[in-house]
Amino acid sequence: MHDLVCKFVYIGDKEFGESVDVHKNRVIVKSGTKFYAIPLDLIVKTEKEKIILKEFDKKEAELEGKKWVKEKSKPVSLEELKKYGFE
């Protein structure tokens, strides 16, 4: 699944964004300032630096993307920072 991260994402032949994660059977795509969580079964093809998707419900994908942001962007505690060498 990590081979789907850091690729340019296209819908057909039009560039849409860049993949940043794979989470719960969805590829997370950053497009502008928004994040979209798109089901993996909508991937038509992958290439070395590219993912090509079928059309998808952008509103639903954006809602799922917001859930991903909330789950993944939790604040880091001072103890966690110290654990990683930041003091």
PDB file of N, CA and C in Angstrom:
ATOM      1  N   MET A   1       0.816  -1.217   0.000  1.00  0.00           N
ATOM      2  CA  MET A   1       0.000   0.000   0.000  1.00  0.00           C
ATOM      3  C   MET A   1       0.854   1.274   0.000  1.00  0.00           C
ATOM      4  N   HIS A   2       2.067   1.193   0.570  1.00  0.00           N
ATOM      5  CA  HIS A   2       2.906   2.383   0.600  1.00  0.00           C
ATOM      6  C   HIS A   2       3.374   2.786  -0.790  1.00  0.00           C
ATOM      7  N   ASP A   3       3.247   1.885  -1.751  1.00  0.00           N
ATOM      8  CA  ASP A   3       3.610   2.243  -3.116  1.00  0.00           C
ATOM      9  C   ASP A   3       2.567   3.159  -3.755  1.00  0.00           C
ATOM     10  N   LEU A   4       1.496   3.462  -3.025  1.00  0.00           N
ATOM     11  CA  LEU A   4       0.472   4.395  -3.520  1.00  0.00           C
ATOM     12  C   LEU A   4       0.674   5.812  -2.981  1.00  0.00           C
ATOM     13  N   VAL A   5       1.675   6.021  -2.141  1.00  0.00           N
ATOM     14  CA  VAL A   5       1.896   7.319  -1.501  1.00  0.00           C
ATOM     15  C   VAL A   5       2.924   8.121  -2.294  1.00  0.00           C
ATOM     16  N   CYS A   6       2.747   9.424  -2.307  1.00  0.00           N
ATOM     17  CA  CYS A   6       3.647  10.368  -3.001  1.00  0.00           C
ATOM     18  C   CYS A   6       3.611  10.192  -4.516  1.00  0.00           C
ATOM     19  N   LYS A   7       2.416  10.031  -5.027  1.00  0.00           N
ATOM     20  CA  LYS A   7       2.221   9.943  -6.481  1.00  0.00           C
ATOM     21  C   LYS A   7       1.237  11.031  -6.902  1.00  0.00           C
ATOM     22  N   PHE A   8       1.360  11.447  -8.147  1.00  0.00           N
ATOM     23  CA  PHE A   8       0.385  12.379  -8.696  1.00  0.00           C
ATOM     24  C   PHE A   8      -0.886  11.594  -8.995  1.00  0.00           C
ATOM     25  N   VAL A   9      -2.019  12.184  -8.668  1.00  0.00           N
ATOM     26  CA  VAL A   9      -3.299  11.507  -8.841  1.00  0.00           C
ATOM     27  C   VAL A   9      -4.076  12.200  -9.955  1.00  0.00           C
ATOM     28  N   TYR A  10      -4.595  11.381 -10.862  1.00  0.00           N
ATOM     29  CA  TYR A  10      -5.354  11.872 -12.005  1.00  0.00           C
ATOM     30  C   TYR A  10      -6.749  11.270 -11.992  1.00  0.00           C
ATOM     31  N   ILE A  11      -7.708  12.045 -12.465  1.00  0.00           N
ATOM     32  CA  ILE A  11      -9.040  11.521 -12.778  1.00  0.00           C
ATOM     33  C   ILE A  11      -9.072  11.518 -14.301  1.00  0.00           C
ATOM     34  N   GLY A  12      -8.995  10.326 -14.857  1.00  0.00           N
ATOM     35  CA  GLY A  12      -8.825  10.238 -16.304  1.00  0.00           C
ATOM     36  C   GLY A  12      -7.483  10.817 -16.681  1.00  0.00           C
ATOM     37  N   ASP A  13      -7.469  11.840 -17.547  1.00  0.00           N
ATOM     38  CA  ASP A  13      -6.197  12.447 -17.946  1.00  0.00           C
ATOM     39  C   ASP A  13      -5.963  13.815 -17.301  1.00  0.00           C
ATOM     40  N   LYS A  14      -6.807  14.180 -16.308  1.00  0.00           N
ATOM     41  CA  LYS A  14      -6.686  15.479 -15.655  1.00  0.00           C
ATOM     42  C   LYS A  14      -6.081  15.319 -14.259  1.00  0.00           C
ATOM     43  N   GLU A  15      -4.997  16.058 -14.004  1.00  0.00           N
ATOM     44  CA  GLU A  15      -4.350  15.979 -12.687  1.00  0.00           C
ATOM     45  C   GLU A  15      -5.293  16.514 -11.614  1.00  0.00           C
ATOM     46  N   PHE A  16      -5.366  15.770 -10.491  1.00  0.00           N
ATOM     47  CA  PHE A  16      -6.279  16.126  -9.397  1.00  0.00           C
ATOM     48  C   PHE A  16      -5.534  16.505  -8.125  1.00  0.00           C
ATOM     49  N   GLY A  17      -4.453  15.836  -7.804  1.00  0.00           N
ATOM     50  CA  GLY A  17      -3.741  16.115  -6.567  1.00  0.00           C
ATOM     51  C   GLY A  17      -2.586  15.154  -6.371  1.00  0.00           C
ATOM     52  N   GLU A  18      -2.211  14.948  -5.095  1.00  0.00           N
ATOM     53  CA  GLU A  18      -1.107  14.055  -4.762  1.00  0.00           C
ATOM     54  C   GLU A  18      -1.514  13.149  -3.618  1.00  0.00           C
ATOM     55  N   SER A  19      -1.159  11.878  -3.723  1.00  0.00           N
ATOM     56  CA  SER A  19      -1.501  10.922  -2.674  1.00  0.00           C
ATOM     57  C   SER A  19      -0.570  11.115  -1.480  1.00  0.00           C
ATOM     58  N   VAL A  20      -1.150  11.114  -0.270  1.00  0.00           N
ATOM     59  CA  VAL A  20      -0.365  11.351   0.938  1.00  0.00           C
ATOM     60  C   VAL A  20      -0.446  10.206   1.946  1.00  0.00           C
ATOM     61  N   ASP A  21      -1.422   9.305   1.782  1.00  0.00           N
ATOM     62  CA  ASP A  21      -1.580   8.215   2.743  1.00  0.00           C
ATOM     63  C   ASP A  21      -2.540   7.182   2.165  1.00  0.00           C
ATOM     64  N   VAL A  22      -2.530   6.009   2.758  1.00  0.00           N
ATOM     65  CA  VAL A  22      -3.546   5.001   2.503  1.00  0.00           C
ATOM     66  C   VAL A  22      -4.102   4.652   3.872  1.00  0.00           C
ATOM     67  N   HIS A  23      -5.426   4.762   4.016  1.00  0.00           N
ATOM     68  CA  HIS A  23      -6.052   4.594   5.326  1.00  0.00           C
ATOM     69  C   HIS A  23      -7.434   3.968   5.152  1.00  0.00           C
ATOM     70  N   LYS A  24      -7.652   2.870   5.863  1.00  0.00           N
ATOM     71  CA  LYS A  24      -8.953   2.193   5.846  1.00  0.00           C
ATOM     72  C   LYS A  24      -9.472   1.955   4.427  1.00  0.00           C
ATOM     73  N   ASN A  25      -8.656   1.322   3.598  1.00  0.00           N
ATOM     74  CA  ASN A  25      -9.021   0.986   2.213  1.00  0.00           C
ATOM     75  C   ASN A  25      -9.348   2.196   1.348  1.00  0.00           C
ATOM     76  N   ARG A  26      -8.726   3.318   1.668  1.00  0.00           N
ATOM     77  CA  ARG A  26      -8.902   4.533   0.869  1.00  0.00           C
ATOM     78  C   ARG A  26      -7.552   5.179   0.646  1.00  0.00           C
ATOM     79  N   VAL A  27      -7.369   5.750  -0.515  1.00  0.00           N
ATOM     80  CA  VAL A  27      -6.171   6.543  -0.777  1.00  0.00           C
ATOM     81  C   VAL A  27      -6.521   7.986  -0.399  1.00  0.00           C
ATOM     82  N   ILE A  28      -5.639   8.612   0.379  1.00  0.00           N
ATOM     83  CA  ILE A  28      -5.854   9.994   0.807  1.00  0.00           C
ATOM     84  C   ILE A  28      -5.119  10.899  -0.175  1.00  0.00           C
ATOM     85  N   VAL A  29      -5.874  11.823  -0.755  1.00  0.00           N
ATOM     86  CA  VAL A  29      -5.332  12.706  -1.790  1.00  0.00           C
ATOM     87  C   VAL A  29      -5.469  14.150  -1.339  1.00  0.00           C
ATOM     88  N   LYS A  30      -4.348  14.891  -1.404  1.00  0.00           N
ATOM     89  CA  LYS A  30      -4.379  16.325  -1.125  1.00  0.00           C
ATOM     90  C   LYS A  30      -4.545  17.027  -2.460  1.00  0.00           C
ATOM     91  N   SER A  31      -5.586  17.828  -2.535  1.00  0.00           N
ATOM     92  CA  SER A  31      -5.858  18.601  -3.735  1.00  0.00           C
ATOM     93  C   SER A  31      -6.120  20.038  -3.296  1.00  0.00           C
ATOM     94  N   GLY A  32      -5.196  20.934  -3.598  1.00  0.00           N
ATOM     95  CA  GLY A  32      -5.306  22.299  -3.091  1.00  0.00           C
ATOM     96  C   GLY A  32      -5.174  22.263  -1.580  1.00  0.00           C
ATOM     97  N   THR A  33      -6.162  22.804  -0.888  1.00  0.00           N
ATOM     98  CA  THR A  33      -6.134  22.808   0.575  1.00  0.00           C
ATOM     99  C   THR A  33      -7.003  21.698   1.170  1.00  0.00           C
ATOM    100  N   LYS A  34      -7.607  20.887   0.320  1.00  0.00           N
ATOM    101  CA  LYS A  34      -8.527  19.848   0.790  1.00  0.00           C
ATOM    102  C   LYS A  34      -7.902  18.460   0.704  1.00  0.00           C
ATOM    103  N   PHE A  35      -8.451  17.579   1.546  1.00  0.00           N
ATOM    104  CA  PHE A  35      -8.051  16.177   1.526  1.00  0.00           C
ATOM    105  C   PHE A  35      -9.259  15.335   1.158  1.00  0.00           C
ATOM    106  N   TYR A  36      -9.042  14.357   0.301  1.00  0.00           N
ATOM    107  CA  TYR A  36     -10.102  13.466  -0.154  1.00  0.00           C
ATOM    108  C   TYR A  36      -9.691  12.029   0.169  1.00  0.00           C
ATOM    109  N   ALA A  37     -10.629  11.254   0.703  1.00  0.00           N
ATOM    110  CA  ALA A  37     -10.403   9.837   0.978  1.00  0.00           C
ATOM    111  C   ALA A  37     -11.190   9.047  -0.066  1.00  0.00           C
ATOM    112  N   ILE A  38     -10.483   8.438  -0.993  1.00  0.00           N
ATOM    113  CA  ILE A  38     -11.104   7.823  -2.162  1.00  0.00           C
ATOM    114  C   ILE A  38     -10.923   6.303  -2.089  1.00  0.00           C
ATOM    115  N   PRO A  39     -12.015   5.543  -2.215  1.00  0.00           N
ATOM    116  CA  PRO A  39     -11.910   4.075  -2.124  1.00  0.00           C
ATOM    117  C   PRO A  39     -10.880   3.509  -3.115  1.00  0.00           C
ATOM    118  N   LEU A  40     -10.101   2.558  -2.622  1.00  0.00           N
ATOM    119  CA  LEU A  40      -9.058   1.945  -3.454  1.00  0.00           C
ATOM    120  C   LEU A  40      -9.620   1.275  -4.698  1.00  0.00           C
ATOM    121  N   ASP A  41     -10.865   0.794  -4.615  1.00  0.00           N
ATOM    122  CA  ASP A  41     -11.420   0.101  -5.792  1.00  0.00           C
ATOM    123  C   ASP A  41     -11.744   1.050  -6.945  1.00  0.00           C
ATOM    124  N   LEU A  42     -11.543   2.354  -6.748  1.00  0.00           N
ATOM    125  CA  LEU A  42     -11.738   3.314  -7.839  1.00  0.00           C
ATOM    126  C   LEU A  42     -10.440   3.605  -8.588  1.00  0.00           C
ATOM    127  N   ILE A  43      -9.364   2.938  -8.173  1.00  0.00           N
ATOM    128  CA  ILE A  43      -8.095   3.083  -8.895  1.00  0.00           C
ATOM    129  C   ILE A  43      -8.171   2.254 -10.169  1.00  0.00           C
ATOM    130  N   VAL A  44      -7.973   2.917 -11.292  1.00  0.00           N
ATOM    131  CA  VAL A  44      -8.002   2.260 -12.596  1.00  0.00           C
ATOM    132  C   VAL A  44      -6.631   1.661 -12.891  1.00  0.00           C
ATOM    133  N   LYS A  45      -5.569   2.447 -12.568  1.00  0.00           N
ATOM    134  CA  LYS A  45      -4.230   2.039 -12.948  1.00  0.00           C
ATOM    135  C   LYS A  45      -3.216   2.801 -12.105  1.00  0.00           C
ATOM    136  N   THR A  46      -2.095   2.161 -11.813  1.00  0.00           N
ATOM    137  CA  THR A  46      -0.991   2.863 -11.167  1.00  0.00           C
ATOM    138  C   THR A  46       0.232   2.754 -12.068  1.00  0.00           C
ATOM    139  N   GLU A  47       1.005   3.813 -12.065  1.00  0.00           N
ATOM    140  CA  GLU A  47       2.250   3.858 -12.811  1.00  0.00           C
ATOM    141  C   GLU A  47       3.340   4.304 -11.848  1.00  0.00           C
ATOM    142  N   LYS A  48       4.543   4.430 -12.324  1.00  0.00           N
ATOM    143  CA  LYS A  48       5.682   4.770 -11.462  1.00  0.00           C
ATOM    144  C   LYS A  48       5.408   6.002 -10.596  1.00  0.00           C
ATOM    145  N   GLU A  49       4.915   7.066 -11.187  1.00  0.00           N
ATOM    146  CA  GLU A  49       4.689   8.315 -10.450  1.00  0.00           C
ATOM    147  C   GLU A  49       3.244   8.795 -10.530  1.00  0.00           C
ATOM    148  N   LYS A  50       2.327   7.898 -10.878  1.00  0.00           N
ATOM    149  CA  LYS A  50       0.962   8.335 -11.174  1.00  0.00           C
ATOM    150  C   LYS A  50      -0.071   7.301 -10.727  1.00  0.00           C
ATOM    151  N   ILE A  51      -1.199   7.804 -10.225  1.00  0.00           N
ATOM    152  CA  ILE A  51      -2.379   6.985  -9.939  1.00  0.00           C
ATOM    153  C   ILE A  51      -3.515   7.543 -10.786  1.00  0.00           C
ATOM    154  N   ILE A  52      -4.204   6.685 -11.487  1.00  0.00           N
ATOM    155  CA  ILE A  52      -5.334   7.121 -12.309  1.00  0.00           C
ATOM    156  C   ILE A  52      -6.606   6.558 -11.687  1.00  0.00           C
ATOM    157  N   LEU A  53      -7.567   7.455 -11.423  1.00  0.00           N
ATOM    158  CA  LEU A  53      -8.823   7.098 -10.775  1.00  0.00           C
ATOM    159  C   LEU A  53     -10.003   7.204 -11.723  1.00  0.00           C
ATOM    160  N   LYS A  54     -11.069   6.476 -11.382  1.00  0.00           N
ATOM    161  CA  LYS A  54     -12.366   6.683 -12.020  1.00  0.00           C
ATOM    162  C   LYS A  54     -12.985   7.923 -11.380  1.00  0.00           C
ATOM    163  N   GLU A  55     -14.028   8.431 -11.981  1.00  0.00           N
ATOM    164  CA  GLU A  55     -14.799   9.511 -11.358  1.00  0.00           C
ATOM    165  C   GLU A  55     -15.326   9.012 -10.017  1.00  0.00           C
ATOM    166  N   PHE A  56     -15.473   9.925  -9.057  1.00  0.00           N
ATOM    167  CA  PHE A  56     -15.958   9.548  -7.733  1.00  0.00           C
ATOM    168  C   PHE A  56     -16.785  10.681  -7.150  1.00  0.00           C
ATOM    169  N   ASP A  57     -17.506  10.366  -6.074  1.00  0.00           N
ATOM    170  CA  ASP A  57     -18.343  11.352  -5.383  1.00  0.00           C
ATOM    171  C   ASP A  57     -17.426  12.256  -4.553  1.00  0.00           C
ATOM    172  N   LYS A  58     -17.166  13.447  -5.045  1.00  0.00           N
ATOM    173  CA  LYS A  58     -16.212  14.342  -4.389  1.00  0.00           C
ATOM    174  C   LYS A  58     -16.696  14.801  -3.018  1.00  0.00           C
ATOM    175  N   LYS A  59     -18.001  14.997  -2.858  1.00  0.00           N
ATOM    176  CA  LYS A  59     -18.512  15.435  -1.551  1.00  0.00           C
ATOM    177  C   LYS A  59     -18.287  14.359  -0.494  1.00  0.00           C
ATOM    178  N   GLU A  60     -18.598  13.111  -0.845  1.00  0.00           N
ATOM    179  CA  GLU A  60     -18.394  12.010   0.101  1.00  0.00           C
ATOM    180  C   GLU A  60     -16.901  11.837   0.396  1.00  0.00           C
ATOM    181  N   ALA A  61     -16.069  11.900  -0.642  1.00  0.00           N
ATOM    182  CA  ALA A  61     -14.632  11.745  -0.460  1.00  0.00           C
ATOM    183  C   ALA A  61     -14.062  12.873   0.401  1.00  0.00           C
ATOM    184  N   GLU A  62     -14.594  14.073   0.251  1.00  0.00           N
ATOM    185  CA  GLU A  62     -14.129  15.196   1.065  1.00  0.00           C
ATOM    186  C   GLU A  62     -14.537  15.005   2.521  1.00  0.00           C
ATOM    187  N   LEU A  63     -15.758  14.538   2.772  1.00  0.00           N
ATOM    188  CA  LEU A  63     -16.196  14.265   4.148  1.00  0.00           C
ATOM    189  C   LEU A  63     -15.301  13.214   4.793  1.00  0.00           C
ATOM    190  N   GLU A  64     -14.997  12.146   4.054  1.00  0.00           N
ATOM    191  CA  GLU A  64     -14.113  11.100   4.578  1.00  0.00           C
ATOM    192  C   GLU A  64     -12.703  11.655   4.781  1.00  0.00           C
ATOM    193  N   GLY A  65     -12.293  12.555   3.910  1.00  0.00           N
ATOM    194  CA  GLY A  65     -10.986  13.199   4.053  1.00  0.00           C
ATOM    195  C   GLY A  65     -10.905  14.044   5.312  1.00  0.00           C
ATOM    196  N   LYS A  66     -11.990  14.721   5.656  1.00  0.00           N
ATOM    197  CA  LYS A  66     -12.033  15.516   6.894  1.00  0.00           C
ATOM    198  C   LYS A  66     -11.914  14.609   8.114  1.00  0.00           C
ATOM    199  N   LYS A  67     -12.526  13.435   8.057  1.00  0.00           N
ATOM    200  CA  LYS A  67     -12.404  12.468   9.161  1.00  0.00           C
ATOM    201  C   LYS A  67     -10.951  12.033   9.311  1.00  0.00           C
ATOM    202  N   TRP A  68     -10.285  11.789   8.183  1.00  0.00           N
ATOM    203  CA  TRP A  68      -8.880  11.399   8.215  1.00  0.00           C
ATOM    204  C   TRP A  68      -8.035  12.500   8.856  1.00  0.00           C
ATOM    205  N   VAL A  69      -8.283  13.760   8.481  1.00  0.00           N
ATOM    206  CA  VAL A  69      -7.517  14.875   9.039  1.00  0.00           C
ATOM    207  C   VAL A  69      -7.707  14.928  10.553  1.00  0.00           C
ATOM    208  N   LYS A  70      -8.951  14.794  11.022  1.00  0.00           N
ATOM    209  CA  LYS A  70      -9.207  14.828  12.470  1.00  0.00           C
ATOM    210  C   LYS A  70      -8.489  13.699  13.183  1.00  0.00           C
ATOM    211  N   GLU A  71      -8.514  12.522  12.597  1.00  0.00           N
ATOM    212  CA  GLU A  71      -7.883  11.355  13.220  1.00  0.00           C
ATOM    213  C   GLU A  71      -6.366  11.445  13.193  1.00  0.00           C
ATOM    214  N   LYS A  72      -5.813  11.937  12.102  1.00  0.00           N
ATOM    215  CA  LYS A  72      -4.364  11.948  11.932  1.00  0.00           C
ATOM    216  C   LYS A  72      -3.675  13.206  12.448  1.00  0.00           C
ATOM    217  N   SER A  73      -4.394  14.270  12.694  1.00  0.00           N
ATOM    218  CA  SER A  73      -3.746  15.517  13.108  1.00  0.00           C
ATOM    219  C   SER A  73      -3.996  15.820  14.582  1.00  0.00           C
ATOM    220  N   LYS A  74      -3.776  14.810  15.408  1.00  0.00           N
ATOM    221  CA  LYS A  74      -3.928  14.990  16.848  1.00  0.00           C
ATOM    222  C   LYS A  74      -2.732  15.770  17.371  1.00  0.00           C
ATOM    223  N   PRO A  75      -2.957  16.632  18.376  1.00  0.00           N
ATOM    224  CA  PRO A  75      -1.834  17.390  18.929  1.00  0.00           C
ATOM    225  C   PRO A  75      -0.823  16.460  19.602  1.00  0.00           C
ATOM    226  N   VAL A  76       0.424  16.864  19.567  1.00  0.00           N
ATOM    227  CA  VAL A  76       1.497  16.094  20.182  1.00  0.00           C
ATOM    228  C   VAL A  76       1.766  16.670  21.565  1.00  0.00           C
ATOM    229  N   SER A  77       1.879  15.795  22.565  1.00  0.00           N
ATOM    230  CA  SER A  77       2.136  16.252  23.932  1.00  0.00           C
ATOM    231  C   SER A  77       3.613  16.589  24.105  1.00  0.00           C
ATOM    232  N   LEU A  78       3.924  17.333  25.156  1.00  0.00           N
ATOM    233  CA  LEU A  78       5.317  17.668  25.458  1.00  0.00           C
ATOM    234  C   LEU A  78       6.131  16.400  25.714  1.00  0.00           C
ATOM    235  N   GLU A  79       5.501  15.417  26.368  1.00  0.00           N
ATOM    236  CA  GLU A  79       6.193  14.149  26.636  1.00  0.00           C
ATOM    237  C   GLU A  79       6.568  13.449  25.333  1.00  0.00           C
ATOM    238  N   GLU A  80       5.652  13.474  24.348  1.00  0.00           N
ATOM    239  CA  GLU A  80       5.943  12.843  23.054  1.00  0.00           C
ATOM    240  C   GLU A  80       7.083  13.582  22.342  1.00  0.00           C
ATOM    241  N   LEU A  81       7.070  14.908  22.425  1.00  0.00           N
ATOM    242  CA  LEU A  81       8.148  15.692  21.807  1.00  0.00           C
ATOM    243  C   LEU A  81       9.489  15.332  22.425  1.00  0.00           C
ATOM    244  N   LYS A  82       9.542  15.230  23.769  1.00  0.00           N
ATOM    245  CA  LYS A  82      10.786  14.874  24.457  1.00  0.00           C
ATOM    246  C   LYS A  82      11.256  13.483  24.045  1.00  0.00           C
ATOM    247  N   LYS A  83      10.302  12.564  23.894  1.00  0.00           N
ATOM    248  CA  LYS A  83      10.616  11.194  23.488  1.00  0.00           C
ATOM    249  C   LYS A  83      11.342  11.181  22.148  1.00  0.00           C
ATOM    250  N   TYR A  84      10.996  12.102  21.264  1.00  0.00           N
ATOM    251  CA  TYR A  84      11.613  12.180  19.934  1.00  0.00           C
ATOM    252  C   TYR A  84      12.784  13.147  19.873  1.00  0.00           C
ATOM    253  N   GLY A  85      13.214  13.622  21.039  1.00  0.00           N
ATOM    254  CA  GLY A  85      14.414  14.458  21.090  1.00  0.00           C
ATOM    255  C   GLY A  85      14.182  15.951  20.971  1.00  0.00           C
ATOM    256  N   PHE A  86      12.927  16.390  21.021  1.00  0.00           N
ATOM    257  CA  PHE A  86      12.639  17.832  20.975  1.00  0.00           C
ATOM    258  C   PHE A  86      12.368  18.319  22.385  1.00  0.00           C
ATOM    259  N   GLU A  87      13.146  19.265  22.837  1.00  0.00           N
ATOM    260  CA  GLU A  87      12.925  19.782  24.195  1.00  0.00           C
ATOM    261  C   GLU A  87      12.842  21.279  24.215  1.00  0.00           C
TER     262      GLU A  87
END
